[in-house]
Amino acid sequence: AGRRLGNCHRRLEKKPTNVHVNDQPRHDRGGGAASGSRRSVDDPSIAAMIVMIVFADRVSRFVDEHPTLRMLALSFLILIGVMLVAEGIGAHLDKGYIYFAMTFAIIVEVLNMRLRQRHAKVQRREAVN
């Protein structure tokens, strides 16, 4: 019992805030606001923003046409938010489980959308006859 209590304090110790992950002091890295230089946004971020702006209307229309997809997207946001809060308080969640659940839900929704389309076509044919 003595060892457990003695080692427990090591996990609770706070790391100094002026040390970077690579054990380099933050003030020695340069490029910060104090040095007067500005950080630039990298090219992939700019490309991602452009893609989001270009496809925003199409995605919005698609989600408006499929209310179940809207609910799925909202549940994904809640799932990701809970995961971020859990990681923020120190709990480790394996992201593989989260990604698998999201992928499975998307596959099920795509199958449901196809089934609804086929069902609507059959109903239209029966209404004409």
N, C-alpha and C. Protein backbone atom coordinates (compact mmCIF):
# COMPACT_ATOMS: atom_id res chain seq x y z
N ALA A 1 0.83 -1.19 0.00
CA ALA A 1 0.00 0.00 0.00
C ALA A 1 0.87 1.25 0.00
N GLY A 2 2.00 1.19 0.67
CA GLY A 2 2.89 2.35 0.74
C GLY A 2 3.44 2.73 -0.62
N ARG A 3 3.73 1.75 -1.43
CA ARG A 3 4.25 2.03 -2.77
C ARG A 3 3.20 2.69 -3.64
N ARG A 4 1.99 2.20 -3.56
CA ARG A 4 0.92 2.78 -4.37
C ARG A 4 0.71 4.25 -4.03
N LEU A 5 0.67 4.57 -2.75
CA LEU A 5 0.48 5.96 -2.35
C LEU A 5 1.69 6.80 -2.71
N GLY A 6 2.88 6.19 -2.62
CA GLY A 6 4.10 6.93 -2.94
C GLY A 6 4.21 7.25 -4.41
N ASN A 7 3.74 6.37 -5.30
CA ASN A 7 3.83 6.59 -6.74
C ASN A 7 2.66 7.40 -7.28
N CYS A 8 1.62 7.53 -6.49
CA CYS A 8 0.42 8.22 -6.95
C CYS A 8 0.69 9.68 -7.26
N HIS A 9 1.56 10.31 -6.49
CA HIS A 9 1.82 11.74 -6.69
C HIS A 9 2.49 12.02 -8.01
N ARG A 10 3.18 11.04 -8.59
CA ARG A 10 3.85 11.26 -9.87
C ARG A 10 2.85 11.52 -10.99
N ARG A 11 1.72 10.84 -10.95
CA ARG A 11 0.70 11.04 -11.99
C ARG A 11 0.02 12.40 -11.84
N LEU A 12 -0.03 12.93 -10.64
CA LEU A 12 -0.74 14.17 -10.40
C LEU A 12 0.13 15.41 -10.58
N GLU A 13 1.45 15.20 -10.72
CA GLU A 13 2.33 16.36 -10.87
C GLU A 13 2.02 17.08 -12.17
N LYS A 14 2.02 18.40 -12.12
CA LYS A 14 1.78 19.18 -13.33
C LYS A 14 3.11 19.47 -14.01
N LYS A 15 3.08 19.42 -15.32
CA LYS A 15 4.28 19.74 -16.08
C LYS A 15 4.37 21.25 -16.20
N PRO A 16 5.58 21.79 -16.26
CA PRO A 16 5.71 23.24 -16.42
C PRO A 16 5.10 23.69 -17.74
N THR A 17 4.45 24.83 -17.73
CA THR A 17 3.75 25.30 -18.92
C THR A 17 4.69 25.93 -19.94
N ASN A 18 5.91 26.25 -19.57
CA ASN A 18 6.81 26.88 -20.52
C ASN A 18 7.68 25.87 -21.25
N VAL A 19 7.38 24.58 -21.14
CA VAL A 19 8.15 23.55 -21.81
C VAL A 19 7.30 22.95 -22.91
N HIS A 20 7.85 22.87 -24.09
CA HIS A 20 7.15 22.31 -25.26
C HIS A 20 7.25 20.79 -25.21
N VAL A 21 6.49 20.11 -26.04
CA VAL A 21 6.49 18.66 -26.08
C VAL A 21 7.89 18.12 -26.35
N ASN A 22 8.65 18.81 -27.16
CA ASN A 22 10.01 18.39 -27.49
C ASN A 22 11.02 18.88 -26.47
N ASP A 23 10.56 19.25 -25.29
CA ASP A 23 11.39 19.77 -24.20
C ASP A 23 12.17 21.02 -24.59
N GLN A 24 11.64 21.79 -25.52
CA GLN A 24 12.24 23.07 -25.85
C GLN A 24 11.40 24.15 -25.20
N PRO A 25 12.03 25.09 -24.54
CA PRO A 25 11.23 26.16 -23.95
C PRO A 25 10.46 26.90 -25.02
N ARG A 26 9.25 27.28 -24.70
CA ARG A 26 8.40 27.95 -25.69
C ARG A 26 8.98 29.28 -26.14
N HIS A 27 9.60 29.99 -25.25
CA HIS A 27 10.12 31.31 -25.62
C HIS A 27 11.31 31.22 -26.55
N ASP A 28 11.96 30.05 -26.68
CA ASP A 28 13.11 29.90 -27.57
C ASP A 28 12.72 29.48 -28.98
N ARG A 29 11.47 29.09 -29.19
CA ARG A 29 11.08 28.61 -30.52
C ARG A 29 10.91 29.74 -31.51
N GLY A 30 10.55 30.90 -31.08
CA GLY A 30 10.36 32.01 -31.99
C GLY A 30 9.06 31.90 -32.73
N GLY A 31 8.73 32.93 -33.48
CA GLY A 31 7.53 32.90 -34.29
C GLY A 31 6.27 33.23 -33.53
N GLY A 32 6.38 33.55 -32.26
CA GLY A 32 5.19 33.85 -31.47
C GLY A 32 4.78 35.29 -31.60
N ALA A 33 3.73 35.66 -30.90
CA ALA A 33 3.21 37.02 -30.98
C ALA A 33 4.21 38.03 -30.41
N ALA A 34 5.01 37.61 -29.44
CA ALA A 34 5.97 38.52 -28.82
C ALA A 34 7.08 38.90 -29.79
N SER A 35 7.43 38.03 -30.71
CA SER A 35 8.51 38.33 -31.63
C SER A 35 8.07 39.20 -32.81
N GLY A 36 6.77 39.41 -32.94
CA GLY A 36 6.28 40.28 -33.99
C GLY A 36 5.99 39.57 -35.30
N SER A 37 6.34 38.31 -35.44
CA SER A 37 6.05 37.60 -36.68
C SER A 37 4.68 36.95 -36.61
N ARG A 38 4.08 36.75 -37.77
CA ARG A 38 2.75 36.14 -37.83
C ARG A 38 2.87 34.72 -38.29
N ARG A 39 2.02 33.86 -37.74
CA ARG A 39 1.98 32.48 -38.21
C ARG A 39 1.11 32.42 -39.44
N SER A 40 1.56 31.70 -40.45
CA SER A 40 0.77 31.59 -41.67
C SER A 40 -0.05 30.30 -41.62
N VAL A 41 -1.18 30.33 -42.29
CA VAL A 41 -2.03 29.16 -42.41
C VAL A 41 -1.43 28.28 -43.50
N ASP A 42 -1.32 26.99 -43.24
CA ASP A 42 -0.70 26.11 -44.22
C ASP A 42 -1.63 25.84 -45.39
N ASP A 43 -1.05 25.38 -46.50
CA ASP A 43 -1.79 25.16 -47.74
C ASP A 43 -2.94 24.15 -47.61
N PRO A 44 -2.77 23.02 -46.92
CA PRO A 44 -3.91 22.10 -46.79
C PRO A 44 -5.10 22.72 -46.08
N SER A 45 -4.87 23.59 -45.13
CA SER A 45 -5.98 24.25 -44.44
C SER A 45 -6.73 25.18 -45.38
N ILE A 46 -5.99 25.89 -46.21
CA ILE A 46 -6.61 26.79 -47.18
C ILE A 46 -7.42 25.98 -48.19
N ALA A 47 -6.84 24.87 -48.66
CA ALA A 47 -7.55 24.02 -49.62
C ALA A 47 -8.82 23.46 -48.99
N ALA A 48 -8.76 23.04 -47.72
CA ALA A 48 -9.94 22.50 -47.04
C ALA A 48 -11.02 23.57 -46.91
N MET A 49 -10.63 24.80 -46.61
CA MET A 49 -11.61 25.87 -46.49
C MET A 49 -12.28 26.15 -47.85
N ILE A 50 -11.50 26.15 -48.91
CA ILE A 50 -12.06 26.39 -50.24
C ILE A 50 -13.05 25.29 -50.62
N VAL A 51 -12.69 24.03 -50.35
CA VAL A 51 -13.58 22.91 -50.66
C VAL A 51 -14.88 23.04 -49.87
N MET A 52 -14.78 23.40 -48.58
CA MET A 52 -15.99 23.55 -47.76
C MET A 52 -16.89 24.67 -48.28
N ILE A 53 -16.29 25.77 -48.71
CA ILE A 53 -17.08 26.89 -49.22
C ILE A 53 -17.76 26.51 -50.54
N VAL A 54 -17.03 25.81 -51.41
CA VAL A 54 -17.57 25.44 -52.72
C VAL A 54 -18.74 24.46 -52.57
N PHE A 55 -18.61 23.49 -51.69
CA PHE A 55 -19.62 22.44 -51.58
C PHE A 55 -20.66 22.68 -50.48
N ALA A 56 -20.63 23.81 -49.81
CA ALA A 56 -21.54 24.06 -48.69
C ALA A 56 -23.00 24.02 -49.13
N ASP A 57 -23.34 24.64 -50.25
CA ASP A 57 -24.73 24.65 -50.71
C ASP A 57 -25.22 23.26 -51.09
N ARG A 58 -24.39 22.51 -51.78
CA ARG A 58 -24.79 21.16 -52.19
C ARG A 58 -25.02 20.26 -50.98
N VAL A 59 -24.12 20.33 -50.04
CA VAL A 59 -24.26 19.51 -48.83
C VAL A 59 -25.49 19.95 -48.06
N SER A 60 -25.72 21.24 -47.97
CA SER A 60 -26.89 21.76 -47.26
C SER A 60 -28.19 21.27 -47.89
N ARG A 61 -28.28 21.32 -49.21
CA ARG A 61 -29.48 20.83 -49.91
C ARG A 61 -29.67 19.34 -49.69
N PHE A 62 -28.59 18.58 -49.76
CA PHE A 62 -28.67 17.13 -49.58
C PHE A 62 -29.16 16.78 -48.17
N VAL A 63 -28.63 17.47 -47.18
CA VAL A 63 -29.04 17.20 -45.79
C VAL A 63 -30.48 17.64 -45.57
N ASP A 64 -30.91 18.74 -46.20
CA ASP A 64 -32.30 19.18 -46.07
C ASP A 64 -33.28 18.18 -46.69
N GLU A 65 -32.86 17.50 -47.75
CA GLU A 65 -33.72 16.51 -48.40
C GLU A 65 -33.82 15.20 -47.63
N HIS A 66 -32.89 14.94 -46.74
CA HIS A 66 -32.85 13.69 -45.98
C HIS A 66 -32.80 13.98 -44.48
N PRO A 67 -33.96 14.10 -43.83
CA PRO A 67 -33.97 14.44 -42.40
C PRO A 67 -33.30 13.41 -41.51
N THR A 68 -33.32 12.14 -41.91
CA THR A 68 -32.64 11.14 -41.07
C THR A 68 -31.13 11.34 -41.11
N LEU A 69 -30.64 11.83 -42.23
CA LEU A 69 -29.21 12.14 -42.33
C LEU A 69 -28.85 13.31 -41.42
N ARG A 70 -29.77 14.26 -41.30
CA ARG A 70 -29.55 15.40 -40.40
C ARG A 70 -29.43 14.89 -38.96
N MET A 71 -30.30 13.97 -38.58
CA MET A 71 -30.23 13.41 -37.22
C MET A 71 -28.93 12.64 -37.02
N LEU A 72 -28.48 11.93 -38.05
CA LEU A 72 -27.22 11.20 -37.96
C LEU A 72 -26.05 12.16 -37.79
N ALA A 73 -26.06 13.26 -38.53
CA ALA A 73 -24.99 14.24 -38.41
C ALA A 73 -24.99 14.88 -37.02
N LEU A 74 -26.16 15.18 -36.50
CA LEU A 74 -26.22 15.75 -35.15
C LEU A 74 -25.74 14.75 -34.11
N SER A 75 -26.06 13.48 -34.28
CA SER A 75 -25.58 12.47 -33.33
C SER A 75 -24.06 12.32 -33.43
N PHE A 76 -23.49 12.47 -34.63
CA PHE A 76 -22.04 12.45 -34.76
C PHE A 76 -21.41 13.61 -34.01
N LEU A 77 -22.01 14.79 -34.12
CA LEU A 77 -21.47 15.95 -33.39
C LEU A 77 -21.51 15.71 -31.89
N ILE A 78 -22.60 15.13 -31.40
CA ILE A 78 -22.69 14.83 -29.97
C ILE A 78 -21.64 13.80 -29.59
N LEU A 79 -21.47 12.77 -30.41
CA LEU A 79 -20.49 11.72 -30.13
C LEU A 79 -19.08 12.30 -30.08
N ILE A 80 -18.74 13.13 -31.03
CA ILE A 80 -17.40 13.74 -31.05
C ILE A 80 -17.23 14.69 -29.86
N GLY A 81 -18.28 15.44 -29.53
CA GLY A 81 -18.21 16.34 -28.38
C GLY A 81 -17.99 15.58 -27.08
N VAL A 82 -18.69 14.48 -26.90
CA VAL A 82 -18.51 13.67 -25.68
C VAL A 82 -17.09 13.11 -25.64
N MET A 83 -16.59 12.67 -26.80
CA MET A 83 -15.23 12.15 -26.85
C MET A 83 -14.21 13.23 -26.47
N LEU A 84 -14.40 14.44 -26.98
CA LEU A 84 -13.47 15.53 -26.66
C LEU A 84 -13.53 15.90 -25.19
N VAL A 85 -14.73 15.92 -24.62
CA VAL A 85 -14.86 16.23 -23.19
C VAL A 85 -14.19 15.13 -22.36
N ALA A 86 -14.41 13.88 -22.73
CA ALA A 86 -13.80 12.77 -22.00
C ALA A 86 -12.28 12.84 -22.06
N GLU A 87 -11.74 13.14 -23.23
CA GLU A 87 -10.29 13.26 -23.34
C GLU A 87 -9.78 14.49 -22.58
N GLY A 88 -10.61 15.52 -22.53
CA GLY A 88 -10.23 16.72 -21.79
C GLY A 88 -10.11 16.49 -20.30
N ILE A 89 -10.90 15.56 -19.77
CA ILE A 89 -10.81 15.27 -18.33
C ILE A 89 -9.85 14.13 -18.04
N GLY A 90 -9.20 13.61 -19.08
CA GLY A 90 -8.14 12.63 -18.87
C GLY A 90 -8.48 11.21 -19.22
N ALA A 91 -9.69 10.91 -19.63
CA ALA A 91 -10.05 9.55 -20.02
C ALA A 91 -9.59 9.30 -21.44
N HIS A 92 -9.00 8.16 -21.68
CA HIS A 92 -8.54 7.83 -23.03
C HIS A 92 -9.58 6.95 -23.70
N LEU A 93 -10.06 7.37 -24.86
CA LEU A 93 -10.99 6.59 -25.65
C LEU A 93 -10.31 6.20 -26.95
N ASP A 94 -10.42 4.94 -27.30
CA ASP A 94 -9.83 4.49 -28.56
C ASP A 94 -10.68 5.03 -29.71
N LYS A 95 -10.08 5.82 -30.57
CA LYS A 95 -10.81 6.44 -31.67
C LYS A 95 -11.28 5.44 -32.70
N GLY A 96 -10.66 4.28 -32.75
CA GLY A 96 -11.08 3.24 -33.68
C GLY A 96 -12.52 2.82 -33.46
N TYR A 97 -12.92 2.73 -32.19
CA TYR A 97 -14.30 2.37 -31.89
C TYR A 97 -15.26 3.45 -32.35
N ILE A 98 -14.88 4.70 -32.15
CA ILE A 98 -15.72 5.82 -32.56
C ILE A 98 -15.87 5.83 -34.09
N TYR A 99 -14.74 5.70 -34.79
CA TYR A 99 -14.78 5.72 -36.25
C TYR A 99 -15.56 4.53 -36.80
N PHE A 100 -15.41 3.36 -36.16
CA PHE A 100 -16.16 2.20 -36.62
C PHE A 100 -17.66 2.43 -36.46
N ALA A 101 -18.06 2.97 -35.31
CA ALA A 101 -19.49 3.23 -35.08
C ALA A 101 -20.04 4.23 -36.09
N MET A 102 -19.27 5.26 -36.39
CA MET A 102 -19.72 6.26 -37.35
C MET A 102 -19.80 5.66 -38.75
N THR A 103 -18.82 4.87 -39.14
CA THR A 103 -18.83 4.24 -40.45
C THR A 103 -20.01 3.28 -40.58
N PHE A 104 -20.25 2.49 -39.55
CA PHE A 104 -21.37 1.55 -39.57
C PHE A 104 -22.70 2.31 -39.70
N ALA A 105 -22.85 3.40 -38.96
CA ALA A 105 -24.08 4.19 -39.03
C ALA A 105 -24.29 4.78 -40.42
N ILE A 106 -23.21 5.24 -41.04
CA ILE A 106 -23.32 5.80 -42.39
C ILE A 106 -23.72 4.72 -43.39
N ILE A 107 -23.13 3.53 -43.27
CA ILE A 107 -23.47 2.44 -44.19
C ILE A 107 -24.94 2.06 -44.04
N VAL A 108 -25.41 1.97 -42.80
CA VAL A 108 -26.82 1.63 -42.56
C VAL A 108 -27.72 2.72 -43.15
N GLU A 109 -27.36 3.98 -42.99
CA GLU A 109 -28.18 5.07 -43.52
C GLU A 109 -28.20 5.06 -45.05
N VAL A 110 -27.07 4.78 -45.68
CA VAL A 110 -27.04 4.70 -47.14
C VAL A 110 -27.94 3.57 -47.63
N LEU A 111 -27.90 2.44 -46.96
CA LEU A 111 -28.78 1.32 -47.32
C LEU A 111 -30.25 1.70 -47.15
N ASN A 112 -30.57 2.40 -46.06
CA ASN A 112 -31.95 2.87 -45.83
C ASN A 112 -32.39 3.84 -46.92
N MET A 113 -31.50 4.74 -47.33
CA MET A 113 -31.86 5.71 -48.37
C MET A 113 -32.14 4.99 -49.69
N ARG A 114 -31.33 4.01 -50.03
CA ARG A 114 -31.57 3.25 -51.27
C ARG A 114 -32.88 2.48 -51.20
N LEU A 115 -33.17 1.90 -50.04
CA LEU A 115 -34.41 1.14 -49.87
C LEU A 115 -35.62 2.06 -50.01
N ARG A 116 -35.53 3.27 -49.43
CA ARG A 116 -36.63 4.23 -49.55
C ARG A 116 -36.84 4.66 -51.01
N GLN A 117 -35.74 4.85 -51.76
CA GLN A 117 -35.87 5.22 -53.17
C GLN A 117 -36.55 4.13 -53.97
N ARG A 118 -36.16 2.89 -53.75
CA ARG A 118 -36.78 1.78 -54.47
C ARG A 118 -38.25 1.65 -54.11
N HIS A 119 -38.55 1.83 -52.83
CA HIS A 119 -39.94 1.74 -52.37
C HIS A 119 -40.79 2.85 -53.01
N ALA A 120 -40.23 4.05 -53.12
CA ALA A 120 -40.95 5.16 -53.75
C ALA A 120 -41.20 4.88 -55.24
N LYS A 121 -40.22 4.28 -55.93
CA LYS A 121 -40.40 3.94 -57.34
C LYS A 121 -41.51 2.90 -57.52
N VAL A 122 -41.53 1.91 -56.65
CA VAL A 122 -42.57 0.87 -56.73
C VAL A 122 -43.95 1.48 -56.49
N GLN A 123 -44.05 2.38 -55.53
CA GLN A 123 -45.34 3.02 -55.24
C GLN A 123 -45.80 3.87 -56.43
N ARG A 124 -44.88 4.56 -57.09
CA ARG A 124 -45.23 5.37 -58.26
C ARG A 124 -45.73 4.49 -59.39
N ARG A 125 -45.06 3.36 -59.61
CA ARG A 125 -45.49 2.43 -60.66
C ARG A 125 -46.89 1.87 -60.38
N GLU A 126 -47.15 1.53 -59.12
CA GLU A 126 -48.46 0.99 -58.75
C GLU A 126 -49.53 2.06 -58.87
N ALA A 127 -49.20 3.30 -58.59
CA ALA A 127 -50.17 4.39 -58.71
C ALA A 127 -50.54 4.65 -60.17
N VAL A 128 -49.59 4.48 -61.08
CA VAL A 128 -49.85 4.68 -62.50
C VAL A 128 -50.72 3.56 -63.05
N ASN A 129 -50.50 2.34 -62.60
CA ASN A 129 -51.27 1.18 -63.08
C ASN A 129 -52.55 1.15 -62.36
